[in-house]
């Protein structure tokens, strides 16, 4: 049985040194996410992380995949400041300063075109379906031919919540935002395909999470 924190713990971030924020949830899932992307991500090109949060993930991913030019993005200014602090501490040359980007708003995909990789973790269950559809469509638009969209997080499995922890977490999310909650894995895959992508892998991850991987077809 997987026990999950209440929804507010997803974005809980504690003050660190030098203006950094540290999210315990990001620390917990960093290793599996890094291993996943090292195994499947392109080795060169541009990589866009959506909803980068505190910046803990993007600096670790940039260090592990140095051939990719990483662009973190985040709508919250205090989180962008934290991302910048993590980047400064890491001293990496393949991470750009964070940009102000709301992944649920229409139109950003064309402005961020040519990406070899678009990566999102732990956001779909916290937004509504209308926002999720926009996010997926814009991410597909941002990809270069052959590029990958990778979405990581908790999902319903064929319409079912498969652990007591997931059922409790889903209820707590919906109690705060009735439009949000766990998305069904097949519905998300259908949406990825409707956006013109081809599903390539569905990968079981620790703590009952999934990674949904789709590619933009080459001409």
N, C-alpha and C. Protein backbone atom coordinates (compact mmCIF):
# COMPACT_ATOMS: atom_id res chain seq x y z
N UNK A 1 0.85 -1.19 0.00
CA UNK A 1 0.00 0.00 0.00
C UNK A 1 0.88 1.24 0.00
N UNK A 2 0.64 2.13 -0.96
CA UNK A 2 1.43 3.35 -1.07
C UNK A 2 0.76 4.48 -0.32
N UNK A 3 1.46 5.03 0.65
CA UNK A 3 0.95 6.18 1.38
C UNK A 3 1.50 7.45 0.76
N UNK A 4 0.62 8.41 0.48
CA UNK A 4 1.05 9.66 -0.13
C UNK A 4 0.76 10.82 0.82
N UNK A 5 1.54 11.90 0.72
CA UNK A 5 1.28 13.07 1.55
C UNK A 5 0.05 13.80 1.08
N UNK A 6 -0.51 14.68 1.87
CA UNK A 6 -1.61 15.50 1.40
C UNK A 6 -1.16 16.37 0.26
N UNK A 7 -2.09 16.91 -0.55
CA UNK A 7 -1.68 17.60 -1.77
C UNK A 7 -0.79 18.80 -1.56
N UNK A 8 -0.96 19.49 -0.44
CA UNK A 8 -0.12 20.67 -0.23
C UNK A 8 1.35 20.29 -0.06
N UNK A 9 1.63 19.05 0.32
CA UNK A 9 3.03 18.63 0.49
C UNK A 9 3.74 18.49 -0.84
N UNK A 10 2.99 18.39 -1.93
CA UNK A 10 3.63 18.30 -3.24
C UNK A 10 4.52 19.51 -3.49
N UNK A 11 4.04 20.68 -3.11
CA UNK A 11 4.79 21.90 -3.40
C UNK A 11 5.45 22.48 -2.14
N UNK A 12 5.41 21.74 -1.04
CA UNK A 12 6.07 22.21 0.17
C UNK A 12 7.56 22.39 -0.10
N UNK A 13 8.08 23.55 0.19
CA UNK A 13 9.50 23.82 -0.02
C UNK A 13 10.05 24.55 1.19
N UNK A 14 11.17 24.10 1.66
CA UNK A 14 11.80 24.68 2.84
C UNK A 14 12.96 25.57 2.42
N UNK A 15 13.20 26.66 3.14
CA UNK A 15 14.31 27.54 2.79
C UNK A 15 15.65 26.83 2.93
N UNK A 16 16.51 27.02 1.92
CA UNK A 16 17.87 26.50 1.96
C UNK A 16 18.86 27.64 1.92
N UNK A 17 20.10 27.31 1.67
CA UNK A 17 21.14 28.32 1.64
C UNK A 17 21.15 29.06 0.30
N UNK A 18 21.55 30.31 0.32
CA UNK A 18 21.76 31.06 -0.90
C UNK A 18 20.52 31.30 -1.73
N UNK A 19 19.35 31.36 -1.09
CA UNK A 19 18.12 31.61 -1.82
C UNK A 19 17.48 30.38 -2.40
N UNK A 20 18.05 29.22 -2.17
CA UNK A 20 17.46 27.98 -2.68
C UNK A 20 16.26 27.57 -1.84
N UNK A 21 15.30 26.93 -2.48
CA UNK A 21 14.23 26.21 -1.80
C UNK A 21 14.48 24.72 -1.98
N UNK A 22 14.13 23.95 -0.97
CA UNK A 22 14.32 22.50 -1.00
C UNK A 22 12.97 21.84 -0.77
N UNK A 23 12.51 21.09 -1.74
CA UNK A 23 11.24 20.37 -1.62
C UNK A 23 11.53 18.91 -1.27
N UNK A 24 11.06 18.43 -0.12
CA UNK A 24 11.31 17.03 0.23
C UNK A 24 10.79 16.05 -0.83
N UNK A 25 9.66 16.36 -1.45
CA UNK A 25 9.12 15.46 -2.47
C UNK A 25 10.07 15.36 -3.67
N UNK A 26 10.70 16.48 -4.04
CA UNK A 26 11.66 16.45 -5.15
C UNK A 26 12.88 15.62 -4.79
N UNK A 27 13.32 15.69 -3.54
CA UNK A 27 14.45 14.87 -3.11
C UNK A 27 14.11 13.39 -3.21
N UNK A 28 12.88 13.04 -2.85
CA UNK A 28 12.50 11.63 -2.85
C UNK A 28 12.47 11.03 -4.25
N UNK A 29 11.97 11.78 -5.22
CA UNK A 29 11.80 11.16 -6.53
C UNK A 29 12.92 11.51 -7.52
N UNK A 30 13.91 12.27 -7.08
CA UNK A 30 14.96 12.70 -7.99
C UNK A 30 15.72 11.52 -8.59
N UNK A 31 16.11 10.57 -7.76
CA UNK A 31 16.90 9.44 -8.25
C UNK A 31 16.19 8.64 -9.34
N UNK A 32 14.95 8.20 -9.10
CA UNK A 32 14.24 7.46 -10.14
C UNK A 32 14.01 8.28 -11.42
N UNK A 33 13.71 9.57 -11.28
CA UNK A 33 13.50 10.41 -12.46
C UNK A 33 14.80 10.56 -13.25
N UNK A 34 15.89 10.79 -12.56
CA UNK A 34 17.18 10.92 -13.24
C UNK A 34 17.54 9.62 -13.97
N UNK A 35 17.34 8.49 -13.31
CA UNK A 35 17.65 7.21 -13.95
C UNK A 35 16.77 6.97 -15.17
N UNK A 36 15.50 7.36 -15.06
CA UNK A 36 14.58 7.21 -16.19
C UNK A 36 15.07 8.00 -17.40
N UNK A 37 15.37 9.28 -17.20
CA UNK A 37 15.74 10.11 -18.33
C UNK A 37 17.11 9.75 -18.88
N UNK A 38 18.03 9.33 -18.04
CA UNK A 38 19.32 8.85 -18.55
C UNK A 38 19.11 7.66 -19.48
N UNK A 39 18.12 6.84 -19.17
CA UNK A 39 17.87 5.65 -19.99
C UNK A 39 17.17 5.96 -21.30
N UNK A 40 16.30 6.99 -21.35
CA UNK A 40 15.45 7.15 -22.53
C UNK A 40 15.61 8.47 -23.27
N UNK A 41 16.22 9.48 -22.65
CA UNK A 41 16.22 10.81 -23.25
C UNK A 41 17.21 10.89 -24.41
N UNK A 42 16.94 11.78 -25.36
CA UNK A 42 17.94 12.05 -26.40
C UNK A 42 19.24 12.53 -25.77
N UNK A 43 20.33 12.34 -26.48
CA UNK A 43 21.64 12.71 -25.94
C UNK A 43 22.06 14.12 -26.31
N UNK A 44 21.35 14.74 -27.24
CA UNK A 44 21.70 16.12 -27.61
C UNK A 44 20.44 16.85 -28.03
N UNK A 45 20.54 18.17 -28.08
CA UNK A 45 19.41 19.00 -28.45
C UNK A 45 18.94 19.83 -27.27
N UNK A 46 17.74 20.39 -27.41
CA UNK A 46 17.16 21.26 -26.40
C UNK A 46 16.18 20.47 -25.55
N UNK A 47 16.17 20.74 -24.25
CA UNK A 47 15.27 20.07 -23.32
C UNK A 47 14.55 21.12 -22.48
N UNK A 48 13.24 21.03 -22.44
CA UNK A 48 12.40 21.96 -21.69
C UNK A 48 11.75 21.22 -20.54
N UNK A 49 12.00 21.69 -19.31
CA UNK A 49 11.28 21.16 -18.16
C UNK A 49 10.14 22.10 -17.82
N UNK A 50 8.93 21.56 -17.79
CA UNK A 50 7.75 22.34 -17.40
C UNK A 50 7.58 22.27 -15.89
N UNK A 51 7.07 23.36 -15.31
CA UNK A 51 6.79 23.40 -13.87
C UNK A 51 8.00 22.92 -13.07
N UNK A 52 9.12 23.62 -13.24
CA UNK A 52 10.38 23.17 -12.66
C UNK A 52 10.44 23.26 -11.14
N UNK A 53 9.51 23.98 -10.53
CA UNK A 53 9.44 24.02 -9.08
C UNK A 53 10.65 24.69 -8.45
N UNK A 54 11.32 23.99 -7.55
CA UNK A 54 12.44 24.57 -6.81
C UNK A 54 13.72 24.61 -7.62
N UNK A 55 13.85 23.77 -8.66
CA UNK A 55 15.07 23.68 -9.44
C UNK A 55 15.95 22.50 -9.10
N UNK A 56 15.56 21.71 -8.12
CA UNK A 56 16.37 20.55 -7.73
C UNK A 56 16.50 19.55 -8.87
N UNK A 57 15.41 19.31 -9.57
CA UNK A 57 15.45 18.33 -10.65
C UNK A 57 16.32 18.78 -11.80
N UNK A 58 16.12 20.02 -12.26
CA UNK A 58 16.76 20.40 -13.52
C UNK A 58 18.28 20.42 -13.41
N UNK A 59 18.83 20.80 -12.28
CA UNK A 59 20.29 20.81 -12.18
C UNK A 59 20.83 19.38 -12.15
N UNK A 60 20.12 18.46 -11.50
CA UNK A 60 20.57 17.07 -11.48
C UNK A 60 20.45 16.44 -12.87
N UNK A 61 19.38 16.77 -13.58
CA UNK A 61 19.20 16.22 -14.92
C UNK A 61 20.24 16.79 -15.89
N UNK A 62 20.53 18.07 -15.76
CA UNK A 62 21.53 18.68 -16.62
C UNK A 62 22.91 18.08 -16.38
N UNK A 63 23.23 17.78 -15.13
CA UNK A 63 24.51 17.15 -14.83
C UNK A 63 24.58 15.74 -15.39
N UNK A 64 23.46 15.02 -15.34
CA UNK A 64 23.43 13.64 -15.82
C UNK A 64 23.35 13.54 -17.33
N UNK A 65 22.83 14.58 -18.00
CA UNK A 65 22.66 14.58 -19.45
C UNK A 65 23.29 15.85 -20.01
N UNK A 66 24.62 15.91 -20.02
CA UNK A 66 25.31 17.15 -20.38
C UNK A 66 25.19 17.54 -21.85
N UNK A 67 24.79 16.61 -22.72
CA UNK A 67 24.62 16.94 -24.13
C UNK A 67 23.34 17.69 -24.44
N UNK A 68 22.44 17.77 -23.48
CA UNK A 68 21.19 18.51 -23.65
C UNK A 68 21.33 19.92 -23.09
N UNK A 69 20.75 20.88 -23.80
CA UNK A 69 20.70 22.26 -23.32
C UNK A 69 19.35 22.45 -22.63
N UNK A 70 19.38 22.57 -21.32
CA UNK A 70 18.17 22.54 -20.51
C UNK A 70 17.59 23.93 -20.30
N UNK A 71 16.27 24.01 -20.42
CA UNK A 71 15.54 25.24 -20.14
C UNK A 71 14.51 24.97 -19.05
N UNK A 72 14.76 25.39 -17.82
CA UNK A 72 13.72 25.27 -16.79
C UNK A 72 12.67 26.36 -16.98
N UNK A 73 11.45 26.07 -16.52
CA UNK A 73 10.35 27.03 -16.63
C UNK A 73 9.46 26.90 -15.41
N UNK A 74 8.88 28.03 -15.01
CA UNK A 74 8.08 28.03 -13.78
C UNK A 74 7.32 29.35 -13.69
N UNK A 75 6.01 29.34 -13.45
CA UNK A 75 5.26 30.59 -13.36
C UNK A 75 5.43 31.34 -12.05
N UNK A 76 5.82 30.66 -10.98
CA UNK A 76 5.90 31.31 -9.66
C UNK A 76 7.24 32.02 -9.50
N UNK A 77 7.25 33.34 -9.25
CA UNK A 77 8.53 34.06 -9.17
C UNK A 77 9.44 33.57 -8.06
N UNK A 78 8.89 33.19 -6.90
CA UNK A 78 9.75 32.73 -5.82
C UNK A 78 10.43 31.40 -6.17
N UNK A 79 9.73 30.58 -6.97
CA UNK A 79 10.35 29.33 -7.42
C UNK A 79 11.41 29.59 -8.50
N UNK A 80 11.15 30.57 -9.37
CA UNK A 80 12.18 30.90 -10.36
C UNK A 80 13.45 31.39 -9.67
N UNK A 81 13.30 32.15 -8.60
CA UNK A 81 14.48 32.60 -7.85
C UNK A 81 15.24 31.42 -7.28
N UNK A 82 14.51 30.43 -6.79
CA UNK A 82 15.15 29.23 -6.26
C UNK A 82 15.86 28.45 -7.37
N UNK A 83 15.21 28.33 -8.52
CA UNK A 83 15.85 27.64 -9.65
C UNK A 83 17.17 28.32 -10.00
N UNK A 84 17.13 29.65 -10.09
CA UNK A 84 18.35 30.39 -10.41
C UNK A 84 19.45 30.15 -9.38
N UNK A 85 19.07 30.04 -8.11
CA UNK A 85 20.05 29.79 -7.06
C UNK A 85 20.66 28.40 -7.19
N UNK A 86 19.82 27.41 -7.49
CA UNK A 86 20.34 26.05 -7.69
C UNK A 86 21.28 26.00 -8.89
N UNK A 87 20.93 26.70 -9.96
CA UNK A 87 21.78 26.71 -11.15
C UNK A 87 23.12 27.37 -10.83
N UNK A 88 23.07 28.48 -10.11
CA UNK A 88 24.32 29.18 -9.76
C UNK A 88 25.23 28.30 -8.91
N UNK A 89 24.65 27.59 -7.97
CA UNK A 89 25.46 26.72 -7.12
C UNK A 89 26.05 25.56 -7.92
N UNK A 90 25.27 25.00 -8.86
CA UNK A 90 25.74 23.85 -9.62
C UNK A 90 26.85 24.21 -10.60
N UNK A 91 26.85 25.46 -11.09
CA UNK A 91 27.90 25.88 -12.00
C UNK A 91 27.89 25.17 -13.34
N UNK A 92 26.72 24.78 -13.80
CA UNK A 92 26.59 24.06 -15.07
C UNK A 92 26.42 25.03 -16.23
N UNK A 93 27.01 24.70 -17.35
CA UNK A 93 26.92 25.57 -18.53
C UNK A 93 25.77 25.19 -19.45
N UNK A 94 25.10 24.07 -19.18
CA UNK A 94 24.03 23.61 -20.08
C UNK A 94 22.64 23.81 -19.49
N UNK A 95 22.50 24.77 -18.57
CA UNK A 95 21.19 25.13 -18.02
C UNK A 95 21.00 26.64 -18.19
N UNK A 96 19.92 27.03 -18.85
CA UNK A 96 19.61 28.44 -19.04
C UNK A 96 18.89 28.99 -17.82
N UNK A 97 18.86 30.29 -17.63
CA UNK A 97 18.05 30.87 -16.55
C UNK A 97 16.58 30.49 -16.72
N UNK A 98 15.85 30.35 -15.62
CA UNK A 98 14.44 29.93 -15.72
C UNK A 98 13.60 31.00 -16.40
N UNK A 99 12.59 30.53 -17.14
CA UNK A 99 11.67 31.45 -17.79
C UNK A 99 10.30 31.35 -17.13
N UNK A 100 9.54 32.43 -17.25
CA UNK A 100 8.17 32.50 -16.74
C UNK A 100 7.26 31.85 -17.78
N UNK A 101 6.81 30.64 -17.50
CA UNK A 101 5.97 29.90 -18.45
C UNK A 101 4.91 29.14 -17.68
N UNK A 102 3.65 29.40 -17.99
CA UNK A 102 2.52 28.65 -17.45
C UNK A 102 2.16 27.58 -18.46
N UNK A 103 2.47 26.34 -18.13
CA UNK A 103 2.29 25.24 -19.08
C UNK A 103 0.83 24.96 -19.38
N UNK A 104 -0.09 25.51 -18.59
CA UNK A 104 -1.52 25.28 -18.83
C UNK A 104 -2.15 26.38 -19.67
N UNK A 105 -1.36 27.36 -20.10
CA UNK A 105 -1.87 28.46 -20.91
C UNK A 105 -1.62 28.18 -22.39
N UNK A 106 -2.55 28.55 -23.26
CA UNK A 106 -2.35 28.28 -24.69
C UNK A 106 -1.29 29.18 -25.30
N UNK A 107 -0.63 28.66 -26.34
CA UNK A 107 0.25 29.48 -27.16
C UNK A 107 1.73 29.33 -26.94
N UNK A 108 2.16 28.72 -25.83
CA UNK A 108 3.59 28.70 -25.55
C UNK A 108 4.34 27.70 -26.41
N UNK A 109 3.68 26.68 -26.92
CA UNK A 109 4.38 25.64 -27.67
C UNK A 109 5.12 26.18 -28.89
N UNK A 110 4.48 27.06 -29.63
CA UNK A 110 5.12 27.63 -30.82
C UNK A 110 6.32 28.48 -30.44
N UNK A 111 6.24 29.16 -29.29
CA UNK A 111 7.36 30.01 -28.87
C UNK A 111 8.55 29.20 -28.38
N UNK A 112 8.30 27.95 -27.99
CA UNK A 112 9.37 27.10 -27.45
C UNK A 112 9.65 25.92 -28.39
N UNK A 113 9.47 26.12 -29.67
CA UNK A 113 9.60 25.02 -30.62
C UNK A 113 11.02 24.49 -30.74
N UNK A 114 11.12 23.30 -31.32
CA UNK A 114 12.41 22.67 -31.59
C UNK A 114 13.00 21.87 -30.45
N UNK A 115 12.18 21.46 -29.48
CA UNK A 115 12.69 20.74 -28.32
C UNK A 115 12.91 19.26 -28.64
N UNK A 116 14.05 18.73 -28.23
CA UNK A 116 14.29 17.29 -28.32
C UNK A 116 13.58 16.54 -27.20
N UNK A 117 13.32 17.24 -26.09
CA UNK A 117 12.69 16.63 -24.92
C UNK A 117 11.84 17.68 -24.22
N UNK A 118 10.61 17.31 -23.87
CA UNK A 118 9.80 18.10 -22.95
C UNK A 118 9.45 17.18 -21.79
N UNK A 119 9.77 17.63 -20.58
CA UNK A 119 9.59 16.79 -19.39
C UNK A 119 8.70 17.49 -18.38
N UNK A 120 7.77 16.72 -17.81
CA UNK A 120 6.86 17.22 -16.77
C UNK A 120 6.75 16.18 -15.68
N UNK A 121 6.84 16.62 -14.43
CA UNK A 121 6.65 15.68 -13.33
C UNK A 121 5.65 16.24 -12.32
N UNK A 122 4.75 15.37 -11.89
CA UNK A 122 3.87 15.64 -10.75
C UNK A 122 3.06 16.92 -10.85
N UNK A 123 2.41 17.10 -12.01
CA UNK A 123 1.52 18.25 -12.15
C UNK A 123 0.12 17.85 -12.60
N UNK A 124 -0.02 16.85 -13.46
CA UNK A 124 -1.32 16.59 -14.08
C UNK A 124 -2.42 16.34 -13.05
N UNK A 125 -2.09 15.68 -11.94
CA UNK A 125 -3.12 15.38 -10.94
C UNK A 125 -3.55 16.62 -10.16
N UNK A 126 -2.80 17.72 -10.29
CA UNK A 126 -3.12 18.94 -9.55
C UNK A 126 -3.86 19.97 -10.39
N UNK A 127 -4.16 19.65 -11.65
CA UNK A 127 -4.86 20.57 -12.53
C UNK A 127 -6.08 19.88 -13.11
N UNK A 128 -6.96 20.66 -13.74
CA UNK A 128 -8.16 20.10 -14.35
C UNK A 128 -7.88 19.53 -15.74
N UNK A 129 -8.88 18.83 -16.27
CA UNK A 129 -8.70 18.20 -17.58
C UNK A 129 -8.54 19.23 -18.69
N UNK A 130 -9.27 20.32 -18.61
CA UNK A 130 -9.13 21.34 -19.66
C UNK A 130 -7.70 21.87 -19.70
N UNK A 131 -7.12 22.10 -18.53
CA UNK A 131 -5.73 22.57 -18.47
C UNK A 131 -4.76 21.49 -18.94
N UNK A 132 -5.03 20.24 -18.58
CA UNK A 132 -4.16 19.14 -19.00
C UNK A 132 -4.15 18.99 -20.52
N UNK A 133 -5.31 19.14 -21.14
CA UNK A 133 -5.36 19.04 -22.61
C UNK A 133 -4.53 20.12 -23.26
N UNK A 134 -4.64 21.35 -22.74
CA UNK A 134 -3.83 22.44 -23.29
C UNK A 134 -2.35 22.14 -23.12
N UNK A 135 -1.96 21.71 -21.94
CA UNK A 135 -0.55 21.41 -21.67
C UNK A 135 -0.01 20.38 -22.65
N UNK A 136 -0.74 19.30 -22.84
CA UNK A 136 -0.26 18.23 -23.73
C UNK A 136 -0.18 18.71 -25.17
N UNK A 137 -1.18 19.45 -25.62
CA UNK A 137 -1.17 19.95 -26.99
C UNK A 137 -0.01 20.92 -27.21
N UNK A 138 0.24 21.80 -26.26
CA UNK A 138 1.33 22.76 -26.40
C UNK A 138 2.68 22.06 -26.32
N UNK A 139 2.82 21.08 -25.46
CA UNK A 139 4.07 20.32 -25.37
C UNK A 139 4.35 19.61 -26.69
N UNK A 140 3.31 19.03 -27.30
CA UNK A 140 3.50 18.37 -28.58
C UNK A 140 3.94 19.37 -29.64
N UNK A 141 3.37 20.56 -29.61
CA UNK A 141 3.74 21.60 -30.56
C UNK A 141 5.20 22.03 -30.38
N UNK A 142 5.68 22.01 -29.16
CA UNK A 142 7.05 22.45 -28.87
C UNK A 142 8.10 21.45 -29.32
N UNK A 143 7.73 20.20 -29.52
CA UNK A 143 8.71 19.17 -29.85
C UNK A 143 9.19 19.29 -31.29
N UNK A 144 10.47 19.03 -31.48
CA UNK A 144 11.01 18.83 -32.82
C UNK A 144 10.62 17.43 -33.29
N UNK A 145 10.61 17.19 -34.60
CA UNK A 145 10.37 15.82 -35.09
C UNK A 145 11.33 14.84 -34.43
N UNK A 146 10.80 13.74 -33.94
CA UNK A 146 11.60 12.77 -33.22
C UNK A 146 11.76 13.06 -31.75
N UNK A 147 11.29 14.24 -31.27
CA UNK A 147 11.42 14.60 -29.87
C UNK A 147 10.48 13.81 -28.98
N UNK A 148 10.80 13.78 -27.68
CA UNK A 148 10.04 13.00 -26.71
C UNK A 148 9.32 13.91 -25.72
N UNK A 149 8.08 13.53 -25.41
CA UNK A 149 7.34 14.09 -24.28
C UNK A 149 7.29 13.02 -23.20
N UNK A 150 7.77 13.37 -22.01
CA UNK A 150 7.78 12.44 -20.87
C UNK A 150 6.96 13.07 -19.75
N UNK A 151 5.91 12.38 -19.33
CA UNK A 151 5.05 12.84 -18.24
C UNK A 151 5.14 11.82 -17.11
N UNK A 152 5.58 12.29 -15.94
CA UNK A 152 5.77 11.43 -14.77
C UNK A 152 4.80 11.83 -13.68
N UNK A 153 4.27 10.84 -12.97
CA UNK A 153 3.42 11.14 -11.83
C UNK A 153 2.48 10.01 -11.51
N UNK A 154 1.54 10.26 -10.59
CA UNK A 154 0.54 9.25 -10.24
C UNK A 154 -0.65 9.30 -11.19
N UNK A 155 -1.19 8.14 -11.50
CA UNK A 155 -2.32 8.04 -12.42
C UNK A 155 -3.31 6.99 -11.93
N UNK A 156 -4.57 7.16 -12.33
CA UNK A 156 -5.48 6.03 -12.30
C UNK A 156 -5.00 4.99 -13.31
N UNK A 157 -5.28 3.74 -13.03
CA UNK A 157 -4.93 2.66 -13.95
C UNK A 157 -6.23 2.09 -14.51
N UNK A 158 -6.48 2.36 -15.79
CA UNK A 158 -7.72 1.91 -16.44
C UNK A 158 -8.94 2.32 -15.63
N UNK A 159 -8.92 3.57 -15.14
CA UNK A 159 -10.04 4.12 -14.41
C UNK A 159 -10.08 3.79 -12.93
N UNK A 160 -9.09 3.07 -12.42
CA UNK A 160 -9.11 2.65 -11.03
C UNK A 160 -7.93 3.24 -10.26
N UNK A 161 -8.21 3.65 -9.02
CA UNK A 161 -7.15 4.01 -8.08
C UNK A 161 -6.71 2.73 -7.38
N UNK A 162 -5.42 2.42 -7.44
CA UNK A 162 -4.99 1.06 -7.15
C UNK A 162 -4.35 0.87 -5.77
N UNK A 163 -4.37 1.90 -4.92
CA UNK A 163 -3.88 1.70 -3.56
C UNK A 163 -4.65 2.61 -2.62
N UNK A 164 -4.64 2.26 -1.34
CA UNK A 164 -5.31 3.10 -0.35
C UNK A 164 -4.68 4.48 -0.31
N UNK A 165 -3.36 4.56 -0.44
CA UNK A 165 -2.70 5.85 -0.43
C UNK A 165 -3.12 6.72 -1.60
N UNK A 166 -3.25 6.13 -2.79
CA UNK A 166 -3.68 6.89 -3.95
C UNK A 166 -5.13 7.34 -3.81
N UNK A 167 -5.97 6.49 -3.28
CA UNK A 167 -7.37 6.88 -3.09
C UNK A 167 -7.49 8.05 -2.12
N UNK A 168 -6.72 8.00 -1.03
CA UNK A 168 -6.76 9.10 -0.06
C UNK A 168 -6.18 10.39 -0.66
N UNK A 169 -5.10 10.27 -1.40
CA UNK A 169 -4.47 11.45 -2.01
C UNK A 169 -5.41 12.08 -3.04
N UNK A 170 -6.03 11.26 -3.87
CA UNK A 170 -6.98 11.76 -4.86
C UNK A 170 -8.14 12.50 -4.19
N UNK A 171 -8.68 11.92 -3.11
CA UNK A 171 -9.79 12.57 -2.41
C UNK A 171 -9.37 13.91 -1.84
N UNK A 172 -8.16 13.98 -1.29
CA UNK A 172 -7.71 15.23 -0.68
C UNK A 172 -7.47 16.31 -1.74
N UNK A 173 -7.01 15.92 -2.92
CA UNK A 173 -6.84 16.88 -4.01
C UNK A 173 -8.20 17.43 -4.45
N UNK A 174 -9.15 16.52 -4.68
CA UNK A 174 -10.47 16.91 -5.16
C UNK A 174 -11.19 17.77 -4.13
N UNK A 175 -10.94 17.51 -2.83
CA UNK A 175 -11.57 18.33 -1.80
C UNK A 175 -11.11 19.78 -1.88
N UNK A 176 -9.87 19.99 -2.32
CA UNK A 176 -9.35 21.36 -2.45
C UNK A 176 -9.67 21.97 -3.80
N UNK A 177 -9.73 21.14 -4.85
CA UNK A 177 -10.02 21.61 -6.21
C UNK A 177 -10.82 20.54 -6.93
N UNK A 178 -12.15 20.67 -6.97
CA UNK A 178 -12.98 19.62 -7.58
C UNK A 178 -12.66 19.34 -9.04
N UNK A 179 -12.03 20.28 -9.74
CA UNK A 179 -11.69 20.06 -11.14
C UNK A 179 -10.43 19.22 -11.31
N UNK A 180 -9.64 19.08 -10.23
CA UNK A 180 -8.36 18.38 -10.32
C UNK A 180 -8.54 16.91 -9.91
N UNK A 181 -7.43 16.26 -9.63
CA UNK A 181 -7.46 14.85 -9.25
C UNK A 181 -6.71 13.99 -10.25
N UNK A 182 -6.53 12.73 -9.88
CA UNK A 182 -5.79 11.80 -10.72
C UNK A 182 -6.43 11.69 -12.10
N UNK A 183 -5.58 11.64 -13.12
CA UNK A 183 -6.04 11.41 -14.49
C UNK A 183 -5.85 9.93 -14.82
N UNK A 184 -6.74 9.41 -15.66
CA UNK A 184 -6.62 8.02 -16.08
C UNK A 184 -5.47 7.87 -17.07
N UNK A 185 -4.68 6.83 -16.91
CA UNK A 185 -3.52 6.65 -17.79
C UNK A 185 -3.93 6.53 -19.26
N UNK A 186 -5.00 5.80 -19.54
CA UNK A 186 -5.43 5.64 -20.93
C UNK A 186 -5.97 6.95 -21.51
N UNK A 187 -6.66 7.73 -20.69
CA UNK A 187 -7.15 9.03 -21.17
C UNK A 187 -5.99 9.96 -21.52
N UNK A 188 -4.96 9.96 -20.70
CA UNK A 188 -3.80 10.82 -20.98
C UNK A 188 -3.09 10.33 -22.23
N UNK A 189 -2.94 9.03 -22.38
CA UNK A 189 -2.30 8.51 -23.59
C UNK A 189 -3.13 8.84 -24.83
N UNK A 190 -4.45 8.73 -24.71
CA UNK A 190 -5.31 9.13 -25.84
C UNK A 190 -5.10 10.60 -26.19
N UNK A 191 -4.96 11.44 -25.18
CA UNK A 191 -4.76 12.86 -25.43
C UNK A 191 -3.40 13.12 -26.08
N UNK A 192 -2.39 12.39 -25.66
CA UNK A 192 -1.07 12.52 -26.29
C UNK A 192 -1.14 12.13 -27.77
N UNK A 193 -1.87 11.06 -28.06
CA UNK A 193 -2.00 10.65 -29.45
C UNK A 193 -2.86 11.63 -30.24
N UNK A 194 -3.88 12.19 -29.62
CA UNK A 194 -4.71 13.19 -30.29
C UNK A 194 -3.90 14.43 -30.63
N UNK A 195 -2.84 14.70 -29.87
CA UNK A 195 -1.96 15.83 -30.14
C UNK A 195 -0.93 15.52 -31.22
N UNK A 196 -1.01 14.34 -31.80
CA UNK A 196 -0.12 13.98 -32.89
C UNK A 196 1.12 13.20 -32.50
N UNK A 197 1.17 12.74 -31.25
CA UNK A 197 2.31 11.98 -30.78
C UNK A 197 2.04 10.48 -30.86
N UNK A 198 3.12 9.70 -30.86
CA UNK A 198 3.02 8.25 -30.86
C UNK A 198 3.56 7.72 -29.53
N UNK A 199 2.74 6.94 -28.83
CA UNK A 199 3.19 6.36 -27.57
C UNK A 199 4.33 5.40 -27.83
N UNK A 200 5.40 5.52 -27.03
CA UNK A 200 6.54 4.63 -27.18
C UNK A 200 6.74 3.73 -25.97
N UNK A 201 6.46 4.24 -24.77
CA UNK A 201 6.65 3.43 -23.56
C UNK A 201 5.73 3.89 -22.45
N UNK A 202 5.34 2.95 -21.62
CA UNK A 202 4.69 3.23 -20.34
C UNK A 202 5.52 2.50 -19.30
N UNK A 203 6.15 3.26 -18.40
CA UNK A 203 7.15 2.71 -17.51
C UNK A 203 6.66 2.79 -16.08
N UNK A 204 6.63 1.66 -15.40
CA UNK A 204 6.29 1.63 -13.97
C UNK A 204 7.44 2.25 -13.18
N UNK A 205 7.08 3.17 -12.28
CA UNK A 205 8.07 3.87 -11.47
C UNK A 205 7.81 3.59 -9.99
N UNK A 206 8.78 3.89 -9.12
CA UNK A 206 8.56 3.67 -7.69
C UNK A 206 7.36 4.46 -7.15
N UNK A 207 6.86 4.01 -6.00
CA UNK A 207 5.76 4.67 -5.29
C UNK A 207 4.49 4.71 -6.14
N UNK A 208 4.31 3.70 -6.98
CA UNK A 208 3.08 3.55 -7.77
C UNK A 208 2.88 4.67 -8.79
N UNK A 209 3.97 5.27 -9.24
CA UNK A 209 3.91 6.28 -10.28
C UNK A 209 4.13 5.63 -11.65
N UNK A 210 3.85 6.41 -12.70
CA UNK A 210 4.10 5.99 -14.08
C UNK A 210 4.88 7.06 -14.80
N UNK A 211 5.60 6.66 -15.84
CA UNK A 211 6.17 7.59 -16.81
C UNK A 211 5.56 7.24 -18.16
N UNK A 212 4.85 8.21 -18.74
CA UNK A 212 4.25 8.05 -20.06
C UNK A 212 5.16 8.74 -21.06
N UNK A 213 5.61 7.99 -22.07
CA UNK A 213 6.60 8.49 -23.02
C UNK A 213 6.00 8.44 -24.42
N UNK A 214 6.01 9.58 -25.12
CA UNK A 214 5.49 9.67 -26.46
C UNK A 214 6.45 10.45 -27.34
N UNK A 215 6.49 10.11 -28.62
CA UNK A 215 7.41 10.74 -29.56
C UNK A 215 6.64 11.48 -30.66
N UNK A 216 7.23 12.58 -31.12
CA UNK A 216 6.68 13.29 -32.27
C UNK A 216 7.21 12.63 -33.53
N UNK A 217 6.34 12.19 -34.43
CA UNK A 217 6.83 11.48 -35.61
C UNK A 217 7.74 12.35 -36.46
N UNK A 218 8.74 11.71 -37.04
CA UNK A 218 9.60 12.41 -38.01
C UNK A 218 8.92 12.40 -39.38
N UNK A 219 9.20 13.40 -40.21
CA UNK A 219 8.60 13.43 -41.54
C UNK A 219 8.94 12.19 -42.36
